[in-house]
Protein backbone atom coordinates (compact mmCIF):
# COMPACT_ATOMS: atom_id res chain seq x y z
CA MET A 1 -9.87 45.79 18.49
CA LEU A 2 -10.09 42.86 16.06
CA THR A 3 -11.39 39.76 17.81
CA LEU A 4 -10.28 36.22 16.98
CA THR A 5 -13.65 35.32 15.54
CA ASN A 6 -13.27 38.08 12.92
CA VAL A 7 -10.29 36.25 11.41
CA THR A 8 -11.41 34.19 8.42
CA TRP A 9 -9.72 31.44 6.44
CA LEU A 10 -9.29 34.02 3.65
CA ASP A 11 -7.36 36.31 6.01
CA LEU A 12 -5.09 33.44 7.03
CA CYS A 13 -4.50 32.34 3.44
CA LEU A 14 -3.74 35.90 2.26
CA SER A 15 -1.28 36.38 5.12
CA CYS A 16 0.51 33.18 4.25
CA ILE A 17 0.67 34.10 0.57
CA GLY A 18 2.05 37.55 1.48
CA VAL A 19 4.87 36.03 3.51
CA TYR A 20 5.68 33.69 0.65
CA LEU A 21 5.80 36.49 -1.93
CA LEU A 22 8.14 38.55 0.25
CA LYS A 23 10.39 35.53 0.59
CA GLN A 24 10.44 35.09 -3.17
CA ILE A 25 11.31 38.76 -3.77
CA PHE A 26 14.30 38.79 -1.41
CA SER A 27 15.58 35.24 -1.93
CA GLU A 28 18.83 34.57 -3.75
CA LYS A 29 18.74 33.11 -7.23
CA ASN A 30 19.71 29.46 -7.64
CA PRO A 31 23.02 28.66 -9.38
CA VAL A 32 21.26 26.13 -11.65
CA PRO A 33 17.59 25.78 -12.59
CA TYR A 34 14.96 23.67 -10.96
CA PRO A 35 13.51 20.86 -13.05
CA PRO A 36 10.87 22.12 -15.52
CA GLY A 37 7.35 22.65 -14.27
CA PRO A 38 4.40 20.94 -15.91
CA PRO A 39 2.04 22.96 -18.11
CA GLY A 40 -0.95 21.06 -16.75
CA ARG A 41 -1.69 18.29 -14.26
CA PRO A 42 1.59 16.86 -12.89
CA PHE A 43 0.29 13.44 -11.85
CA ILE A 44 -1.34 12.57 -15.17
CA GLY A 45 0.68 13.89 -18.08
CA ASN A 46 4.26 12.89 -18.92
CA TYR A 47 6.29 16.07 -18.60
CA GLY A 48 9.74 14.53 -18.64
CA ASP A 49 11.62 12.44 -16.13
CA ILE A 50 11.23 15.08 -13.37
CA SER A 51 8.54 17.72 -12.97
CA HIS A 52 8.81 20.58 -10.47
CA VAL A 53 6.07 22.57 -8.81
CA GLU A 54 6.25 24.99 -5.90
CA VAL A 55 3.34 25.55 -3.54
CA LEU A 56 3.74 28.36 -1.00
CA GLY A 57 7.48 27.81 -0.83
CA GLN A 58 7.34 24.01 -0.71
CA HIS A 59 9.26 22.45 -3.61
CA ILE A 60 7.70 19.27 -4.99
CA MET A 61 9.49 17.02 -7.49
CA VAL A 62 7.38 14.46 -9.33
CA LEU A 63 9.38 11.54 -10.74
CA ASN A 64 7.81 10.13 -13.90
CA SER A 65 10.62 7.76 -14.88
CA VAL A 66 11.56 4.41 -13.33
CA ASN A 67 15.23 4.98 -14.12
CA THR A 68 15.19 8.43 -12.52
CA ALA A 69 13.43 7.08 -9.43
CA MET A 70 16.07 4.38 -9.09
CA GLU A 71 18.95 6.82 -9.65
CA MET A 72 17.63 9.21 -7.01
CA LEU A 73 15.75 7.09 -4.48
CA ASP A 74 17.82 3.89 -4.71
CA LYS A 75 21.36 5.01 -5.52
CA LYS A 76 21.20 8.15 -3.36
CA SER A 77 18.94 6.68 -0.71
CA SER A 78 20.95 8.26 2.14
CA LEU A 79 19.65 11.64 0.95
CA TYR A 80 16.17 10.68 -0.21
CA SER A 81 14.82 8.39 2.54
CA ASP A 82 13.25 10.92 4.91
CA ARG A 83 9.51 11.58 5.15
CA PRO A 84 7.74 14.93 5.33
CA VAL A 85 5.74 15.83 8.39
CA LEU A 86 2.07 15.30 7.52
CA PRO A 87 0.11 17.64 9.81
CA MET A 88 -3.25 15.92 9.32
CA GLY A 89 -2.51 12.23 8.86
CA GLY A 90 0.72 12.03 10.84
CA GLU A 91 0.48 14.56 13.67
CA LEU A 92 -3.23 15.18 14.26
CA ALA A 93 -4.71 11.82 13.27
CA GLY A 94 -1.99 9.84 15.05
CA TRP A 95 -0.22 7.90 12.28
CA LYS A 96 3.21 9.49 12.70
CA HIS A 97 4.67 6.38 14.39
CA ILE A 98 3.74 4.00 11.56
CA LEU A 99 6.72 2.84 9.48
CA ALA A 100 5.43 4.45 6.28
CA LEU A 101 5.45 7.94 7.86
CA LEU A 102 8.38 7.58 10.25
CA PRO A 103 11.25 10.06 9.77
CA TYR A 104 14.48 8.52 8.57
CA GLY A 105 16.66 7.84 11.60
CA GLU A 106 17.48 5.40 14.37
CA ARG A 107 13.89 4.47 15.20
CA PHE A 108 13.19 3.81 11.52
CA ARG A 109 16.24 1.52 11.37
CA GLU A 110 15.04 -0.39 14.44
CA TYR A 111 11.66 -1.03 12.77
CA ARG A 112 13.44 -2.32 9.66
CA LYS A 113 15.66 -4.58 11.78
CA ASN A 114 12.54 -6.12 13.30
CA PHE A 115 11.10 -6.80 9.87
CA HIS A 116 14.37 -8.26 8.63
CA ARG A 117 14.75 -10.45 11.72
CA ILE A 118 11.29 -12.00 11.60
CA ILE A 119 10.16 -11.88 7.94
CA GLY A 120 13.39 -10.94 6.20
CA SER A 121 13.80 -14.07 4.09
CA ARG A 122 11.80 -16.16 1.67
CA ALA A 123 11.92 -19.09 4.09
CA ALA A 124 10.46 -16.95 6.88
CA MET A 125 7.50 -15.95 4.72
CA ASP A 126 7.01 -19.50 3.44
CA ILE A 127 6.05 -20.51 6.99
CA TYR A 128 2.79 -18.62 6.53
CA HIS A 129 1.81 -20.17 3.19
CA GLN A 130 -0.47 -22.68 4.87
CA THR A 131 -2.29 -19.84 6.61
CA GLU A 132 -2.76 -18.08 3.28
CA GLU A 133 -4.10 -21.26 1.66
CA ILE A 134 -6.51 -22.03 4.51
CA GLU A 135 -7.88 -18.49 4.65
CA THR A 136 -8.27 -18.36 0.86
CA HIS A 137 -10.19 -21.64 0.99
CA ARG A 138 -12.46 -20.13 3.65
CA PHE A 139 -12.82 -17.08 1.44
CA LEU A 140 -14.09 -19.26 -1.43
CA LYS A 141 -16.70 -20.79 0.88
CA ARG A 142 -17.89 -17.37 2.05
CA VAL A 143 -18.12 -16.06 -1.50
CA LEU A 144 -20.04 -19.15 -2.54
CA ALA A 145 -22.52 -18.64 0.30
CA ASN A 146 -22.88 -14.84 -0.08
CA PRO A 147 -21.47 -13.66 -3.42
CA ASP A 148 -23.04 -10.21 -3.11
CA GLN A 149 -20.67 -9.35 -0.23
CA LEU A 150 -17.46 -9.77 -2.20
CA GLN A 151 -15.62 -6.71 -0.89
CA ALA A 152 -16.43 -7.55 2.73
CA HIS A 153 -15.17 -11.12 2.20
CA ILE A 154 -11.91 -9.81 0.72
CA ARG A 155 -11.39 -7.47 3.68
CA HIS A 156 -12.13 -10.26 6.14
CA THR A 157 -9.66 -12.62 4.46
CA ALA A 158 -6.88 -10.06 4.10
CA GLY A 159 -7.27 -9.06 7.73
CA ALA A 160 -7.31 -12.68 8.89
CA ILE A 161 -4.05 -13.46 7.09
CA VAL A 162 -2.13 -10.38 8.20
CA LEU A 163 -3.40 -10.49 11.80
CA HIS A 164 -2.31 -14.12 12.02
CA ILE A 165 1.17 -13.17 10.82
CA SER A 166 1.51 -9.97 12.85
CA HIS A 167 -0.17 -10.94 16.14
CA GLY A 168 -1.05 -14.65 15.97
CA TYR A 169 -4.72 -13.73 16.15
CA GLU A 170 -7.44 -16.03 14.81
CA VAL A 171 -10.36 -13.91 13.61
CA ASN A 172 -14.01 -14.66 14.24
CA GLU A 173 -15.99 -15.90 11.29
CA ASN A 174 -18.33 -12.91 11.49
CA ASN A 175 -18.16 -9.40 12.96
CA ASP A 176 -14.62 -9.71 14.23
CA PRO A 177 -13.77 -6.66 16.39
CA PHE A 178 -10.14 -6.38 15.24
CA ILE A 179 -11.11 -6.62 11.57
CA GLU A 180 -13.79 -3.94 11.92
CA LEU A 181 -11.46 -1.70 13.91
CA ALA A 182 -8.62 -2.00 11.40
CA ASP A 183 -10.91 -1.45 8.41
CA ARG A 184 -12.11 1.80 9.96
CA ALA A 185 -8.60 2.93 10.88
CA LEU A 186 -7.06 2.14 7.48
CA ASP A 187 -9.83 3.95 5.65
CA GLN A 188 -9.09 6.97 7.81
CA PHE A 189 -5.36 6.64 7.10
CA SER A 190 -5.98 6.72 3.35
CA ARG A 191 -8.25 9.74 3.66
CA SER A 192 -6.06 11.67 6.11
CA THR A 193 -2.87 11.27 4.06
CA ALA A 194 -4.34 11.90 0.58
CA PRO A 195 -2.43 14.75 -1.12
CA GLY A 196 -4.31 18.05 -0.93
CA ALA A 197 -7.24 16.65 1.04
CA PHE A 198 -6.76 19.00 4.01
CA MET A 199 -5.72 22.67 4.05
CA VAL A 200 -3.63 22.06 7.18
CA ASP A 201 -1.17 20.03 5.10
CA ILE A 202 -0.56 23.11 2.94
CA MET A 203 -0.55 25.58 5.83
CA PRO A 204 0.67 23.65 8.90
CA PHE A 205 0.10 26.57 11.28
CA LEU A 206 -3.62 25.76 11.08
CA ALA A 207 -2.90 22.77 13.35
CA LYS A 208 -2.62 25.29 16.21
CA VAL A 209 -6.17 26.62 15.93
CA PRO A 210 -8.64 25.35 18.57
CA GLU A 211 -11.45 22.97 17.70
CA TRP A 212 -14.09 25.67 18.27
CA PHE A 213 -12.52 28.01 15.73
CA PRO A 214 -14.77 28.54 12.66
CA GLY A 215 -13.80 26.05 9.95
CA ALA A 216 -11.74 23.84 12.30
CA GLY A 217 -13.93 20.77 11.92
CA PHE A 218 -10.85 18.91 10.73
CA LYS A 219 -9.48 19.13 14.30
CA ARG A 220 -12.49 17.30 15.74
CA MET A 221 -12.29 14.73 12.96
CA ALA A 222 -8.57 14.20 13.60
CA ARG A 223 -9.14 13.70 17.34
CA GLU A 224 -11.70 10.95 16.65
CA TRP A 225 -9.41 9.34 14.10
CA HIS A 226 -6.51 9.46 16.57
CA GLU A 227 -8.56 7.48 19.07
CA THR A 228 -9.24 4.84 16.41
CA VAL A 229 -5.53 4.56 15.56
CA ASP A 230 -4.55 4.14 19.20
CA GLU A 231 -7.09 1.38 19.68
CA MET A 232 -6.03 -0.40 16.48
CA VAL A 233 -2.39 -0.40 17.62
CA ASP A 234 -2.91 -1.17 21.31
CA ALA A 235 -5.66 -3.82 21.30
CA PRO A 236 -3.93 -6.60 19.30
CA TYR A 237 -0.62 -5.87 21.06
CA LYS A 238 -2.28 -6.35 24.45
CA PHE A 239 -3.84 -9.56 23.09
CA VAL A 240 -0.37 -10.98 22.36
CA LYS A 241 1.01 -9.98 25.75
CA ASP A 242 -1.98 -11.54 27.52
CA GLN A 243 -1.57 -14.73 25.52
CA MET A 244 2.13 -14.90 26.33
CA ALA A 245 1.46 -14.31 30.04
CA ALA A 246 -1.01 -17.20 29.95
CA GLY A 247 1.59 -19.42 28.28
CA PHE A 248 -0.15 -20.24 25.01
CA ALA A 249 0.63 -17.47 22.52
CA PRO A 250 0.92 -18.78 18.95
CA ARG A 251 3.98 -17.94 16.89
CA SER A 252 3.75 -14.49 15.33
CA PHE A 253 5.79 -11.45 14.37
CA THR A 254 4.98 -9.83 17.73
CA SER A 255 5.48 -12.87 19.98
CA ASN A 256 8.86 -13.55 18.35
CA LEU A 257 9.99 -10.00 19.09
CA LEU A 258 8.76 -10.17 22.70
CA ASP A 259 9.88 -13.69 23.58
CA GLY A 260 12.50 -13.82 26.33
CA ARG A 261 13.05 -10.06 26.47
CA THR A 262 12.54 -7.37 29.09
CA LEU A 263 11.82 -4.25 27.08
CA SER A 264 12.42 -0.61 27.88
CA ALA A 265 9.63 1.86 27.14
CA GLU A 266 11.33 2.76 23.84
CA GLU A 267 11.77 -0.90 22.83
CA ASP A 268 8.16 -1.64 23.72
CA HIS A 269 7.02 1.27 21.57
CA ILE A 270 9.12 0.02 18.64
CA VAL A 271 7.80 -3.55 18.84
CA LYS A 272 4.19 -2.41 19.15
CA TRP A 273 4.37 -0.03 16.21
CA SER A 274 6.46 -2.41 14.10
CA ALA A 275 3.65 -4.96 14.42
CA ALA A 276 1.03 -2.32 13.66
CA SER A 277 3.06 -1.26 10.61
CA LEU A 278 3.10 -4.83 9.32
CA TYR A 279 -0.66 -5.08 9.67
CA ALA A 280 -1.47 -1.63 8.32
CA GLY A 281 0.95 -2.02 5.42
CA GLY A 282 -0.38 -5.40 4.35
CA ALA A 283 -4.11 -5.37 4.93
CA ASP A 284 -5.46 -2.47 2.87
CA THR A 285 -3.06 -2.92 -0.04
CA THR A 286 -4.05 -6.58 -0.27
CA VAL A 287 -7.75 -5.67 -0.33
CA SER A 288 -7.16 -3.21 -3.16
CA ALA A 289 -5.15 -5.69 -5.23
CA ILE A 290 -7.56 -8.63 -4.84
CA TYR A 291 -10.64 -6.50 -5.49
CA SER A 292 -8.89 -5.27 -8.64
CA LEU A 293 -8.30 -8.91 -9.60
CA PHE A 294 -12.05 -9.57 -9.64
CA LEU A 295 -12.64 -6.42 -11.66
CA ALA A 296 -9.97 -7.47 -14.18
CA MET A 297 -11.44 -10.96 -14.54
CA ILE A 298 -14.81 -9.41 -15.38
CA LEU A 299 -13.43 -6.95 -17.91
CA PHE A 300 -10.89 -9.30 -19.51
CA PRO A 301 -12.45 -12.78 -19.62
CA ASP A 302 -9.81 -14.13 -22.02
CA ALA A 303 -7.16 -13.75 -19.32
CA GLN A 304 -9.34 -15.70 -16.92
CA LYS A 305 -9.88 -18.47 -19.50
CA ASN A 306 -6.15 -18.75 -20.18
CA ALA A 307 -5.40 -19.10 -16.47
CA GLN A 308 -8.17 -21.66 -16.08
CA ALA A 309 -6.73 -23.68 -18.94
CA GLU A 310 -3.26 -23.65 -17.39
CA ILE A 311 -4.58 -24.73 -13.98
CA ASP A 312 -6.68 -27.49 -15.58
CA THR A 313 -3.57 -28.81 -17.38
CA VAL A 314 -1.11 -28.58 -14.49
CA ILE A 315 -3.30 -29.29 -11.46
CA GLY A 316 -6.37 -31.03 -12.78
CA PRO A 317 -9.84 -31.14 -11.26
CA ASP A 318 -9.15 -33.07 -8.05
CA ARG A 319 -7.61 -30.42 -5.78
CA LEU A 320 -7.27 -26.68 -5.26
CA PRO A 321 -3.99 -24.94 -6.19
CA SER A 322 -1.29 -24.39 -3.55
CA PHE A 323 1.94 -22.43 -3.32
CA ALA A 324 3.80 -25.61 -4.23
CA ASP A 325 2.35 -25.16 -7.75
CA ARG A 326 3.57 -21.58 -8.21
CA GLN A 327 6.66 -22.36 -10.28
CA SER A 328 4.57 -24.59 -12.56
CA LEU A 329 1.99 -21.92 -13.41
CA PRO A 330 3.81 -19.23 -15.46
CA TYR A 331 0.67 -17.69 -16.94
CA THR A 332 -0.98 -17.43 -13.52
CA GLU A 333 2.20 -15.77 -12.22
CA ALA A 334 2.10 -13.36 -15.15
CA LEU A 335 -1.56 -12.61 -14.41
CA ALA A 336 -0.63 -11.69 -10.83
CA LYS A 337 2.02 -9.30 -12.15
CA GLU A 338 -0.46 -7.67 -14.52
CA VAL A 339 -2.95 -7.10 -11.69
CA HIS A 340 -0.24 -5.20 -9.81
CA ARG A 341 0.48 -3.09 -12.91
CA TRP A 342 -3.08 -2.52 -14.05
CA ASN A 343 -4.30 -1.09 -10.75
CA ALA A 344 -1.64 0.94 -8.94
CA VAL A 345 -2.48 0.35 -5.29
CA ALA A 346 -0.56 3.49 -4.23
CA PRO A 347 -0.59 5.71 -7.36
CA THR A 348 1.77 8.37 -5.97
CA ALA A 349 3.17 6.42 -2.99
CA VAL A 350 4.06 8.35 0.17
CA PRO A 351 6.36 11.29 -0.59
CA HIS A 352 10.08 11.09 0.20
CA ARG A 353 11.85 14.12 1.64
CA LEU A 354 15.33 15.30 0.65
CA THR A 355 17.64 15.93 3.63
CA GLU A 356 20.41 17.85 1.78
CA ASP A 357 20.66 19.97 -1.36
CA ASP A 358 21.26 17.80 -4.41
CA MET A 359 22.09 18.18 -8.08
CA HIS A 360 20.53 15.68 -10.45
CA ASP A 361 20.85 15.62 -14.22
CA GLY A 362 21.83 19.31 -14.21
CA TYR A 363 18.91 20.38 -12.02
CA TYR A 364 18.94 21.84 -8.53
CA ILE A 365 16.90 19.89 -5.95
CA PRO A 366 16.82 21.93 -2.71
CA LYS A 367 16.90 20.45 0.76
CA GLY A 368 13.41 19.78 2.10
CA SER A 369 11.92 19.05 -1.32
CA LEU A 370 9.12 16.49 -1.45
CA ILE A 371 9.87 13.72 -3.92
CA ILE A 372 6.78 11.98 -5.29
CA PRO A 373 7.28 8.80 -7.35
CA ASN A 374 4.53 8.85 -9.98
CA ILE A 375 3.88 5.11 -9.67
CA TRP A 376 0.73 5.25 -11.78
CA PHE A 377 2.52 6.75 -14.76
CA MET A 378 5.53 4.44 -14.42
CA LEU A 379 3.18 1.46 -14.64
CA ASN A 380 1.46 2.99 -17.68
CA ASP A 381 4.50 4.40 -19.47
CA PRO A 382 4.41 3.24 -23.14
CA GLN A 383 8.22 3.30 -23.16
CA THR A 384 8.16 0.55 -20.52
CA TYR A 385 4.94 -1.32 -21.34
CA ALA A 386 3.62 -1.87 -24.85
CA ASN A 387 -0.02 -0.77 -25.11
CA PRO A 388 -0.24 -0.06 -21.37
CA SER A 389 -4.02 0.41 -21.40
CA GLU A 390 -4.36 -3.23 -22.47
CA PHE A 391 -4.60 -5.91 -19.76
CA ASN A 392 -2.09 -8.42 -21.10
CA PRO A 393 -0.39 -10.98 -18.79
CA GLU A 394 1.57 -12.36 -21.74
CA ARG A 395 3.75 -9.24 -21.72
CA TYR A 396 5.75 -10.94 -18.92
CA LEU A 397 6.31 -14.20 -20.80
CA ALA A 398 9.29 -14.67 -23.12
CA LYS A 399 7.95 -15.57 -26.55
CA ASP A 400 9.34 -15.69 -30.11
CA GLY A 401 12.64 -14.19 -29.02
CA LYS A 402 10.93 -11.28 -27.25
CA GLU A 403 12.12 -10.48 -23.74
CA PRO A 404 9.54 -10.17 -20.95
CA GLU A 405 8.53 -6.64 -20.01
CA THR A 406 9.53 -5.12 -16.65
CA ASP A 407 8.13 -6.85 -13.59
CA PRO A 408 5.77 -4.21 -12.09
CA ARG A 409 6.63 -5.37 -8.58
CA THR A 410 10.00 -3.66 -9.02
CA ILE A 411 8.01 -0.42 -9.19
CA CYS A 412 4.73 -0.68 -7.29
CA PHE A 413 6.25 -1.57 -3.89
CA GLY A 414 8.36 1.58 -3.72
CA PHE A 415 11.99 2.60 -3.95
CA GLY A 416 15.16 2.87 -1.91
CA ARG A 417 15.11 2.40 1.83
CA ARG A 418 11.36 3.06 1.79
CA ILE A 419 10.55 -0.02 -0.26
CA CYS A 420 8.01 -2.42 1.25
CA PRO A 421 10.01 -4.26 3.95
CA GLY A 422 8.71 -7.67 2.85
CA MET A 423 10.35 -7.43 -0.57
CA HIS A 424 13.34 -9.68 -1.23
CA ASN A 425 15.76 -9.20 -4.13
CA HIS A 426 13.16 -6.92 -5.71
CA ARG A 427 15.45 -5.46 -8.37
CA ARG A 428 16.38 -8.90 -9.70
CA ASN A 429 12.92 -9.65 -11.05
CA THR A 430 12.59 -12.61 -8.71
CA THR A 431 9.26 -13.59 -7.19
CA ALA A 432 8.20 -11.02 -4.63
CA CYS A 433 7.63 -12.23 -1.09
CA THR A 434 5.30 -9.70 0.46
CA SER A 435 2.18 -10.94 2.18
CA ALA A 436 0.17 -8.87 -0.30
CA ASP A 437 1.85 -10.47 -3.31
CA ALA A 438 1.39 -13.98 -1.92
CA SER A 439 -2.27 -13.29 -1.17
CA VAL A 440 -2.84 -11.99 -4.70
CA TRP A 441 -1.22 -15.06 -6.24
CA ILE A 442 -3.11 -17.66 -4.21
CA SER A 443 -6.34 -15.74 -4.80
CA ILE A 444 -5.79 -15.76 -8.55
CA ALA A 445 -4.91 -19.44 -8.58
CA SER A 446 -8.07 -20.25 -6.59
CA VAL A 447 -10.52 -17.69 -7.94
CA VAL A 448 -10.08 -18.48 -11.64
CA GLU A 449 -11.74 -21.78 -10.84
CA ASN A 450 -14.98 -19.78 -10.90
CA GLY A 451 -16.90 -17.98 -13.63
CA ILE A 452 -17.53 -14.24 -13.23
CA GLU A 453 -20.06 -12.18 -15.18
CA ILE A 454 -21.41 -8.60 -15.49
CA THR A 455 -19.38 -5.60 -16.68
CA PRO A 456 -18.78 -2.72 -14.23
CA GLU A 457 -17.18 0.65 -14.78
CA VAL A 458 -13.49 1.18 -13.98
CA ASP A 459 -13.44 4.01 -11.43
CA PRO A 460 -10.68 4.01 -8.78
CA SER A 461 -11.27 5.79 -5.50
CA SER A 462 -9.23 8.69 -4.19
CA GLY A 463 -6.85 8.43 -1.25
CA THR A 464 -3.33 7.22 -0.57
CA ILE A 465 -4.49 3.65 -1.23
CA SER A 466 -6.58 3.36 -4.40
CA HIS A 467 -9.53 0.97 -4.47
CA PRO A 468 -11.89 0.20 -7.36
CA LYS A 469 -15.34 1.63 -6.67
CA PRO A 470 -17.83 -1.09 -5.61
CA PHE A 471 -19.19 -3.17 -8.46
CA LYS A 472 -21.58 -6.07 -8.91
CA CYS A 473 -20.58 -9.45 -10.26
CA SER A 474 -21.85 -12.99 -10.50
CA ILE A 475 -19.53 -15.66 -9.06
CA LYS A 476 -20.16 -19.37 -9.39
CA PRO A 477 -18.18 -22.63 -9.50
CA ARG A 478 -17.20 -23.90 -12.94
CA SER A 479 -18.21 -27.49 -12.17
CA ALA A 480 -19.75 -29.80 -9.59
CA LYS A 481 -16.23 -30.98 -8.76
CA ALA A 482 -15.07 -27.41 -8.10
CA LEU A 483 -18.10 -26.96 -5.84
CA ASP A 484 -17.15 -30.06 -3.85
CA LEU A 485 -13.55 -28.82 -3.40
CA ILE A 486 -14.75 -25.45 -2.11
CA GLN A 487 -17.23 -26.98 0.32
CA GLN A 488 -14.61 -29.24 1.89
CA ASP A 489 -13.30 -28.36 5.35
CA ALA A 490 -10.82 -25.50 4.98
CA ASN A 491 -8.70 -26.62 7.97
CA TYR A 492 -6.51 -28.97 5.96
């Protein structure tokens, strides 16, 4: 008799492929064709507006065109707003309750209602501008004291801002437990949800194998990651409840949702995971964008000099920039847009899932298809952006009768009902209102006060959230006056 230990991964893979081939032989032909398949790598080359690949019976549609993404994901959002089940990241590692991975349905709508109720307007987000300014000022002081720990300072600042908004939590200056916990959890999220990173995502039945089974190390890893996720979600939520019970909880996303309510178990779950979604969705993306800003300022010093000149003219040397200056700094605003375009924080986003058969542009899109917006290509499409490999903030400024190019924030924050919930009027090319966008802008306005030297290599990391690989740089104040402004008390 064949024992279980004699079954190898090759046996399992061959069995799965055999079932798939039989299905293909006896399946009915489609009335119209699928979109064309790419001859090479679907996430890099431009193979038309839609590319189709099929992996073991799973249809995958890659959208390479902004217009096509809007036509399908925006205009037909009732069909294209579901999420696929992610066996590794969602089920095994414990992220399935986060907004980004939640199936489209009533619970998803309740999360979105919470976001709309608390941070669903520009005025609601403006309340937190002072927090962003104070934490950015503290960031400048930390960078000045220890410039060789740039990435750690960015993570600390991003976490401090989002935790203040989501849970009213004031982080410790060093070694904050919530910051360290969230950094570890979000790194695991990016790794566990990266396309193709785990065989179980291709063959979901592998999730049933026990941890001791040969080759099932991913099960042990997922169990440890699940524990980290649970702690990241539960600990700050308990902090808010304890603060409220003691009568001195500061205003936050969570305290607003809890105030004056007696919650059922389902409502409690929704509030807790809504808050965790706000933190998880804002922290790591902000880190990626701001770290990319420093990389861009090193590689493209002319852009930094132009922003410095604008700030010198508009603000002068006697104070640091604030959000009140945003409308008066068009080049700095354009620089923030170009940072979002130049480094796609989520190059392929999180896949959408089609809930009913659809026909689009003469092609058959079967129910259950995964729809992947190729964000990276959209932000580098020469039909949308002139010389896309060039870092050029001026592309967003009207000049000599030339219209500004497309605001990348209408692309990089997603599409349809899965767009970042902090976005307001995103298709009207108005200023975005996400915490990440605000953090990037105030960082740019403050950071360009300083000179940055040394040229690193551009090498983004893999994962759902893309980060530049660590690089070295020299950061120093431009003047004695700038040094004095940075060293002032940040609690203004």
